[in-house]
C-alpha cells in the first residue's frame, strides 16, 4: 500500500487540476486512475464508486493547492471487474478508465456525502506538540 500512496501523491501533484475540472459537473461517469494496484476516483466519481462498492477505501483530504477538501476513493484492481462490470466502459488505457453510469446521480445526495466525508478535514486540528494557548495547524497533504 505504501507504493500506492506514493503513486497517489504523484497523481495529485501532476493531474489534480484536470481531474477536478472533469469532476466539477460530472453526474454520469466514473473516472478511474491507476495507482499501484488500486483504481482511484475523485470527488463525484469517488461518490459513485462508494455507492457501487461500500468497501472502497475512502480518503478525505486537504491538498495545499486546492482551497477546499476533496475526497478520493479506491478499489483494488482485483475487485474492480466485480464492482464495475455492470457499467459500460467508454474509454480505457493502461492507467485510466472511464465508465458511464446508467442513471445520473443527484447533486443533493453527492453534496451530503461530500460534507459528511470532509466534515473534519477542513477544521484546524491541534498539533500533538501544541501547548495551551498555541495556534492550531491545518493538516494538509
N, C-alpha and C. Protein backbone atom coordinates (compact mmCIF):
# COMPACT_ATOMS: atom_id res chain seq x y z
N UNK A 1 0.83 -1.21 0.00
CA UNK A 1 0.00 0.00 0.00
C UNK A 1 0.86 1.26 0.00
N UNK A 2 2.10 1.18 0.53
CA UNK A 2 2.95 2.36 0.57
C UNK A 2 3.28 2.86 -0.83
N UNK A 3 3.55 1.92 -1.75
CA UNK A 3 3.81 2.33 -3.13
C UNK A 3 2.58 2.98 -3.74
N UNK A 4 1.40 2.46 -3.41
CA UNK A 4 0.14 3.04 -3.91
C UNK A 4 0.00 4.48 -3.42
N UNK A 5 0.37 4.73 -2.17
CA UNK A 5 0.30 6.10 -1.63
C UNK A 5 1.25 7.02 -2.38
N UNK A 6 2.43 6.54 -2.68
CA UNK A 6 3.40 7.34 -3.44
C UNK A 6 2.84 7.68 -4.82
N UNK A 7 2.26 6.69 -5.48
CA UNK A 7 1.68 6.93 -6.80
C UNK A 7 0.47 7.86 -6.72
N UNK A 8 -0.32 7.75 -5.64
CA UNK A 8 -1.45 8.65 -5.45
C UNK A 8 -0.96 10.09 -5.29
N UNK A 9 0.06 10.30 -4.49
CA UNK A 9 0.60 11.65 -4.32
C UNK A 9 1.15 12.20 -5.63
N UNK A 10 1.77 11.37 -6.43
CA UNK A 10 2.26 11.80 -7.73
C UNK A 10 1.10 12.18 -8.65
N UNK A 11 0.05 11.38 -8.62
CA UNK A 11 -1.16 11.68 -9.40
C UNK A 11 -1.74 13.02 -8.97
N UNK A 12 -1.83 13.25 -7.67
CA UNK A 12 -2.35 14.53 -7.18
C UNK A 12 -1.47 15.69 -7.62
N UNK A 13 -0.19 15.49 -7.57
CA UNK A 13 0.75 16.56 -7.92
C UNK A 13 0.70 16.91 -9.41
N UNK A 14 0.55 15.90 -10.25
CA UNK A 14 0.66 16.16 -11.69
C UNK A 14 -0.68 16.34 -12.41
N UNK A 15 -1.77 15.76 -11.89
CA UNK A 15 -3.01 15.75 -12.66
C UNK A 15 -4.22 16.32 -11.95
N UNK A 16 -4.09 16.73 -10.70
CA UNK A 16 -5.26 17.13 -9.93
C UNK A 16 -6.09 18.24 -10.56
N UNK A 17 -5.52 19.32 -11.08
CA UNK A 17 -6.37 20.36 -11.68
C UNK A 17 -7.27 19.83 -12.80
N UNK A 18 -6.73 19.01 -13.67
CA UNK A 18 -7.52 18.43 -14.75
C UNK A 18 -8.59 17.48 -14.24
N UNK A 19 -8.24 16.70 -13.23
CA UNK A 19 -9.21 15.77 -12.63
C UNK A 19 -10.37 16.56 -12.02
N UNK A 20 -10.06 17.60 -11.27
CA UNK A 20 -11.11 18.38 -10.62
C UNK A 20 -11.98 19.11 -11.64
N UNK A 21 -11.41 19.53 -12.76
CA UNK A 21 -12.20 20.16 -13.82
C UNK A 21 -13.22 19.16 -14.38
N UNK A 22 -12.77 17.91 -14.62
CA UNK A 22 -13.69 16.88 -15.12
C UNK A 22 -14.80 16.61 -14.11
N UNK A 23 -14.44 16.58 -12.84
CA UNK A 23 -15.39 16.20 -11.80
C UNK A 23 -16.38 17.32 -11.44
N UNK A 24 -16.08 18.54 -11.80
CA UNK A 24 -16.90 19.68 -11.39
C UNK A 24 -18.37 19.54 -11.75
N UNK A 25 -18.65 18.99 -12.91
CA UNK A 25 -20.05 18.84 -13.32
C UNK A 25 -20.39 17.39 -13.69
N UNK A 26 -19.58 16.48 -13.24
CA UNK A 26 -19.76 15.06 -13.58
C UNK A 26 -20.95 14.46 -12.84
N UNK A 27 -21.92 13.95 -13.59
CA UNK A 27 -23.04 13.22 -12.99
C UNK A 27 -23.29 11.89 -13.68
N UNK A 28 -22.52 11.57 -14.70
CA UNK A 28 -22.81 10.37 -15.48
C UNK A 28 -21.62 9.44 -15.70
N UNK A 29 -20.45 9.79 -15.18
CA UNK A 29 -19.27 8.98 -15.45
C UNK A 29 -18.53 8.67 -14.15
N UNK A 30 -17.76 7.60 -14.22
CA UNK A 30 -16.82 7.27 -13.15
C UNK A 30 -15.44 7.27 -13.80
N UNK A 31 -14.63 8.25 -13.41
CA UNK A 31 -13.26 8.36 -13.91
C UNK A 31 -12.34 7.68 -12.90
N UNK A 32 -11.53 6.74 -13.39
CA UNK A 32 -10.63 6.00 -12.52
C UNK A 32 -9.19 6.15 -13.01
N UNK A 33 -8.28 6.19 -12.04
CA UNK A 33 -6.86 6.38 -12.31
C UNK A 33 -6.08 5.31 -11.55
N UNK A 34 -5.16 4.65 -12.21
CA UNK A 34 -4.40 3.56 -11.61
C UNK A 34 -3.30 4.11 -10.70
N UNK A 35 -3.24 3.55 -9.50
CA UNK A 35 -2.17 3.87 -8.55
C UNK A 35 -1.75 2.57 -7.87
N UNK A 36 -0.76 1.90 -8.44
CA UNK A 36 -0.15 0.69 -7.90
C UNK A 36 -1.15 -0.33 -7.35
N UNK A 37 -1.95 -0.87 -8.22
CA UNK A 37 -2.86 -1.93 -7.82
C UNK A 37 -4.22 -1.47 -7.33
N UNK A 38 -4.47 -0.16 -7.35
CA UNK A 38 -5.76 0.39 -6.96
C UNK A 38 -6.28 1.30 -8.07
N UNK A 39 -7.57 1.20 -8.34
CA UNK A 39 -8.22 2.17 -9.20
C UNK A 39 -8.77 3.26 -8.28
N UNK A 40 -8.30 4.49 -8.49
CA UNK A 40 -8.67 5.62 -7.64
C UNK A 40 -9.64 6.53 -8.39
N UNK A 41 -10.59 7.06 -7.64
CA UNK A 41 -11.57 8.01 -8.17
C UNK A 41 -11.57 9.22 -7.25
N UNK A 42 -11.99 10.36 -7.77
CA UNK A 42 -12.01 11.60 -7.01
C UNK A 42 -13.38 12.25 -7.09
N UNK A 43 -13.73 12.94 -6.02
CA UNK A 43 -14.93 13.76 -5.93
C UNK A 43 -16.18 13.00 -6.37
N UNK A 44 -16.87 13.44 -7.42
CA UNK A 44 -18.13 12.81 -7.83
C UNK A 44 -17.93 11.36 -8.27
N UNK A 45 -16.83 11.07 -8.94
CA UNK A 45 -16.54 9.69 -9.30
C UNK A 45 -16.30 8.85 -8.04
N UNK A 46 -15.67 9.42 -7.04
CA UNK A 46 -15.46 8.72 -5.77
C UNK A 46 -16.80 8.41 -5.10
N UNK A 47 -17.70 9.37 -5.14
CA UNK A 47 -19.05 9.16 -4.59
C UNK A 47 -19.71 7.97 -5.27
N UNK A 48 -19.69 7.96 -6.58
CA UNK A 48 -20.35 6.87 -7.32
C UNK A 48 -19.66 5.54 -7.03
N UNK A 49 -18.33 5.54 -6.98
CA UNK A 49 -17.60 4.31 -6.67
C UNK A 49 -18.00 3.78 -5.30
N UNK A 50 -18.16 4.67 -4.33
CA UNK A 50 -18.54 4.26 -2.98
C UNK A 50 -19.98 3.75 -2.92
N UNK A 51 -20.86 4.27 -3.77
CA UNK A 51 -22.23 3.74 -3.79
C UNK A 51 -22.26 2.36 -4.44
N UNK A 52 -21.37 2.11 -5.39
CA UNK A 52 -21.30 0.81 -6.03
C UNK A 52 -20.57 -0.22 -5.19
N UNK A 53 -19.60 0.24 -4.42
CA UNK A 53 -18.72 -0.64 -3.66
C UNK A 53 -18.47 -0.02 -2.28
N UNK A 54 -19.37 -0.28 -1.32
CA UNK A 54 -19.25 0.33 0.01
C UNK A 54 -17.93 0.03 0.72
N UNK A 55 -17.24 -1.03 0.32
CA UNK A 55 -15.95 -1.37 0.94
C UNK A 55 -14.79 -0.57 0.35
N UNK A 56 -15.06 0.32 -0.58
CA UNK A 56 -13.99 1.13 -1.18
C UNK A 56 -13.25 1.92 -0.10
N UNK A 57 -11.98 2.09 -0.31
CA UNK A 57 -11.17 2.90 0.59
C UNK A 57 -11.56 4.36 0.35
N UNK A 58 -11.91 5.07 1.40
CA UNK A 58 -12.33 6.47 1.27
C UNK A 58 -11.27 7.35 1.91
N UNK A 59 -10.80 8.34 1.16
CA UNK A 59 -9.71 9.20 1.61
C UNK A 59 -10.08 10.68 1.52
N UNK A 60 -10.73 11.23 2.54
CA UNK A 60 -10.94 12.68 2.53
C UNK A 60 -9.60 13.36 2.82
N UNK A 61 -9.33 14.46 2.14
CA UNK A 61 -8.03 15.11 2.32
C UNK A 61 -8.07 16.59 2.00
N UNK A 62 -7.11 17.29 2.51
CA UNK A 62 -6.87 18.70 2.19
C UNK A 62 -5.56 18.74 1.42
N UNK A 63 -5.61 19.29 0.23
CA UNK A 63 -4.43 19.42 -0.62
C UNK A 63 -4.07 20.90 -0.66
N UNK A 64 -2.81 21.20 -0.48
CA UNK A 64 -2.36 22.60 -0.37
C UNK A 64 -2.77 23.46 -1.55
N UNK A 65 -2.85 22.89 -2.74
CA UNK A 65 -3.15 23.68 -3.93
C UNK A 65 -4.64 23.84 -4.22
N UNK A 66 -5.49 23.26 -3.38
CA UNK A 66 -6.94 23.32 -3.59
C UNK A 66 -7.58 23.97 -2.37
N UNK A 67 -8.45 24.96 -2.57
CA UNK A 67 -8.99 25.71 -1.43
C UNK A 67 -10.10 25.00 -0.66
N UNK A 68 -10.43 23.78 -1.03
CA UNK A 68 -11.49 23.04 -0.34
C UNK A 68 -11.04 21.59 -0.18
N UNK A 69 -11.60 20.88 0.80
CA UNK A 69 -11.23 19.48 0.96
C UNK A 69 -11.80 18.63 -0.18
N UNK A 70 -11.06 17.60 -0.54
CA UNK A 70 -11.51 16.70 -1.60
C UNK A 70 -11.59 15.28 -1.04
N UNK A 71 -12.27 14.42 -1.80
CA UNK A 71 -12.40 13.03 -1.40
C UNK A 71 -11.92 12.15 -2.56
N UNK A 72 -11.08 11.19 -2.22
CA UNK A 72 -10.68 10.15 -3.16
C UNK A 72 -11.22 8.84 -2.63
N UNK A 73 -11.44 7.91 -3.52
CA UNK A 73 -11.85 6.55 -3.13
C UNK A 73 -11.11 5.58 -4.03
N UNK A 74 -10.80 4.43 -3.47
CA UNK A 74 -10.06 3.45 -4.25
C UNK A 74 -10.60 2.05 -4.06
N UNK A 75 -10.40 1.26 -5.08
CA UNK A 75 -10.79 -0.15 -5.05
C UNK A 75 -9.61 -0.94 -5.63
N UNK A 76 -9.26 -2.07 -4.99
CA UNK A 76 -8.17 -2.88 -5.55
C UNK A 76 -8.50 -3.33 -6.97
N UNK A 77 -7.52 -3.35 -7.81
CA UNK A 77 -7.73 -3.79 -9.20
C UNK A 77 -8.35 -5.18 -9.24
N UNK A 78 -8.01 -6.01 -8.27
CA UNK A 78 -8.54 -7.37 -8.24
C UNK A 78 -10.05 -7.40 -8.02
N UNK A 79 -10.62 -6.35 -7.44
CA UNK A 79 -12.07 -6.27 -7.20
C UNK A 79 -12.79 -5.43 -8.24
N UNK A 80 -12.06 -4.74 -9.08
CA UNK A 80 -12.66 -3.76 -9.98
C UNK A 80 -13.67 -4.37 -10.95
N UNK A 81 -13.36 -5.51 -11.53
CA UNK A 81 -14.29 -6.07 -12.51
C UNK A 81 -15.62 -6.45 -11.88
N UNK A 82 -15.60 -6.95 -10.65
CA UNK A 82 -16.85 -7.29 -9.96
C UNK A 82 -17.65 -6.03 -9.64
N UNK A 83 -16.95 -4.96 -9.31
CA UNK A 83 -17.61 -3.71 -8.94
C UNK A 83 -18.13 -2.98 -10.17
N UNK A 84 -17.31 -2.90 -11.20
CA UNK A 84 -17.62 -2.06 -12.35
C UNK A 84 -18.20 -2.83 -13.54
N UNK A 85 -18.34 -4.12 -13.41
CA UNK A 85 -18.83 -4.95 -14.50
C UNK A 85 -20.21 -4.58 -15.00
N UNK A 86 -21.01 -3.94 -14.16
CA UNK A 86 -22.37 -3.54 -14.56
C UNK A 86 -22.37 -2.23 -15.35
N UNK A 87 -21.24 -1.53 -15.37
CA UNK A 87 -21.15 -0.25 -16.07
C UNK A 87 -20.54 -0.45 -17.45
N UNK A 88 -20.78 0.51 -18.33
CA UNK A 88 -20.21 0.47 -19.67
C UNK A 88 -18.90 1.25 -19.70
N UNK A 89 -17.83 0.57 -20.06
CA UNK A 89 -16.53 1.23 -20.19
C UNK A 89 -16.50 1.94 -21.54
N UNK A 90 -16.32 3.26 -21.51
CA UNK A 90 -16.34 4.04 -22.75
C UNK A 90 -14.94 4.45 -23.21
N UNK A 91 -13.96 4.35 -22.31
CA UNK A 91 -12.57 4.64 -22.67
C UNK A 91 -11.66 3.98 -21.65
N UNK A 92 -10.54 3.50 -22.13
CA UNK A 92 -9.57 2.92 -21.20
C UNK A 92 -8.17 2.97 -21.78
N UNK A 93 -7.24 3.06 -20.88
CA UNK A 93 -5.82 2.93 -21.20
C UNK A 93 -5.22 2.11 -20.07
N UNK A 94 -3.93 1.97 -20.08
CA UNK A 94 -3.30 1.17 -19.02
C UNK A 94 -3.38 1.85 -17.66
N UNK A 95 -3.62 3.17 -17.62
CA UNK A 95 -3.63 3.90 -16.35
C UNK A 95 -4.91 4.69 -16.08
N UNK A 96 -5.87 4.61 -16.99
CA UNK A 96 -7.11 5.38 -16.81
C UNK A 96 -8.29 4.63 -17.41
N UNK A 97 -9.45 4.75 -16.76
CA UNK A 97 -10.69 4.15 -17.24
C UNK A 97 -11.81 5.17 -17.08
N UNK A 98 -12.77 5.13 -18.01
CA UNK A 98 -13.96 5.97 -17.89
C UNK A 98 -15.16 5.05 -18.11
N UNK A 99 -16.05 5.05 -17.12
CA UNK A 99 -17.27 4.25 -17.19
C UNK A 99 -18.47 5.18 -17.20
N UNK A 100 -19.49 4.81 -17.96
CA UNK A 100 -20.77 5.54 -17.96
C UNK A 100 -21.72 4.82 -17.02
N UNK A 101 -22.45 5.61 -16.25
CA UNK A 101 -23.46 5.02 -15.37
C UNK A 101 -24.81 5.07 -16.07
N UNK A 102 -25.67 4.12 -15.75
CA UNK A 102 -26.98 4.04 -16.40
C UNK A 102 -27.89 5.19 -15.99
N UNK A 103 -27.80 5.59 -14.75
CA UNK A 103 -28.69 6.61 -14.20
C UNK A 103 -27.83 7.71 -13.56
N UNK A 104 -27.95 8.96 -14.01
CA UNK A 104 -27.20 10.04 -13.35
C UNK A 104 -27.61 10.13 -11.88
N UNK A 105 -26.68 10.57 -11.03
CA UNK A 105 -26.99 10.70 -9.62
C UNK A 105 -27.30 12.14 -9.28
N UNK A 106 -28.00 12.33 -8.20
CA UNK A 106 -28.43 13.66 -7.80
C UNK A 106 -27.36 14.46 -7.08
N UNK A 107 -27.37 15.74 -7.30
CA UNK A 107 -26.41 16.65 -6.69
C UNK A 107 -26.58 16.70 -5.18
N UNK A 108 -27.82 16.65 -4.70
CA UNK A 108 -28.08 16.75 -3.26
C UNK A 108 -27.44 15.58 -2.52
N UNK A 109 -27.62 14.37 -3.04
CA UNK A 109 -27.03 13.19 -2.40
C UNK A 109 -25.51 13.28 -2.39
N UNK A 110 -24.93 13.71 -3.50
CA UNK A 110 -23.47 13.87 -3.57
C UNK A 110 -23.00 14.91 -2.54
N UNK A 111 -23.67 16.04 -2.47
CA UNK A 111 -23.26 17.11 -1.54
C UNK A 111 -23.33 16.65 -0.09
N UNK A 112 -24.37 15.91 0.26
CA UNK A 112 -24.48 15.37 1.62
C UNK A 112 -23.32 14.43 1.93
N UNK A 113 -23.03 13.53 0.99
CA UNK A 113 -21.93 12.59 1.16
C UNK A 113 -20.60 13.33 1.31
N UNK A 114 -20.37 14.29 0.44
CA UNK A 114 -19.11 15.03 0.47
C UNK A 114 -18.96 15.78 1.80
N UNK A 115 -20.02 16.40 2.24
CA UNK A 115 -19.97 17.14 3.51
C UNK A 115 -19.69 16.19 4.67
N UNK A 116 -20.34 15.04 4.68
CA UNK A 116 -20.11 14.06 5.73
C UNK A 116 -18.67 13.55 5.70
N UNK A 117 -18.16 13.30 4.50
CA UNK A 117 -16.79 12.77 4.37
C UNK A 117 -15.73 13.78 4.78
N UNK A 118 -15.98 15.07 4.54
CA UNK A 118 -14.94 16.08 4.77
C UNK A 118 -15.18 16.94 6.00
N UNK A 119 -16.17 16.60 6.81
CA UNK A 119 -16.53 17.48 7.93
C UNK A 119 -15.36 17.78 8.87
N UNK A 120 -14.46 16.88 9.09
CA UNK A 120 -13.34 17.13 9.99
C UNK A 120 -12.05 17.52 9.30
N UNK A 121 -12.03 17.48 7.98
CA UNK A 121 -10.79 17.72 7.25
C UNK A 121 -10.39 19.19 7.23
N UNK A 122 -11.34 20.08 6.99
CA UNK A 122 -11.01 21.49 6.80
C UNK A 122 -10.80 22.21 8.13
N UNK A 123 -11.28 21.64 9.21
CA UNK A 123 -11.13 22.29 10.50
C UNK A 123 -9.69 22.21 10.99
N UNK A 124 -9.19 23.27 11.58
CA UNK A 124 -7.85 23.20 12.16
C UNK A 124 -7.80 22.13 13.23
N UNK A 125 -6.70 21.41 13.27
CA UNK A 125 -6.52 20.39 14.30
C UNK A 125 -5.35 20.78 15.17
N UNK A 126 -5.48 20.54 16.42
CA UNK A 126 -4.42 20.88 17.37
C UNK A 126 -3.26 19.93 17.17
N UNK A 127 -2.10 20.47 17.06
CA UNK A 127 -0.89 19.68 16.96
C UNK A 127 -0.67 18.93 18.26
N UNK A 128 -0.14 17.73 18.19
CA UNK A 128 0.13 16.94 19.39
C UNK A 128 1.09 17.68 20.30
N UNK A 129 2.03 18.40 19.71
CA UNK A 129 3.03 19.11 20.50
C UNK A 129 2.55 20.50 20.95
N UNK A 130 1.39 20.93 20.49
CA UNK A 130 0.93 22.27 20.82
C UNK A 130 0.54 22.35 22.29
N UNK A 131 0.90 23.43 22.90
CA UNK A 131 0.54 23.65 24.30
C UNK A 131 -0.70 24.52 24.39
N UNK A 132 -1.13 24.78 25.59
CA UNK A 132 -2.30 25.61 25.82
C UNK A 132 -2.03 27.01 25.28
N UNK A 133 -2.99 27.54 24.55
CA UNK A 133 -2.88 28.90 24.01
C UNK A 133 -2.10 29.00 22.72
N UNK A 134 -1.51 27.90 22.23
CA UNK A 134 -0.79 27.95 20.97
C UNK A 134 -1.77 27.83 19.81
N UNK A 135 -1.35 28.32 18.65
CA UNK A 135 -2.20 28.23 17.46
C UNK A 135 -2.32 26.79 17.01
N UNK A 136 -3.43 26.49 16.34
CA UNK A 136 -3.62 25.16 15.79
C UNK A 136 -3.15 25.15 14.35
N UNK A 137 -2.94 23.95 13.81
CA UNK A 137 -2.48 23.80 12.44
C UNK A 137 -3.53 23.06 11.63
N UNK A 138 -3.60 23.36 10.35
CA UNK A 138 -4.46 22.62 9.44
C UNK A 138 -3.61 21.53 8.82
N UNK A 139 -4.10 20.33 8.86
CA UNK A 139 -3.39 19.21 8.28
C UNK A 139 -3.57 19.24 6.77
N UNK A 140 -2.46 19.27 6.05
CA UNK A 140 -2.51 19.32 4.59
C UNK A 140 -1.64 18.21 4.03
N UNK A 141 -1.99 17.82 2.82
CA UNK A 141 -1.16 16.83 2.11
C UNK A 141 -0.33 17.59 1.11
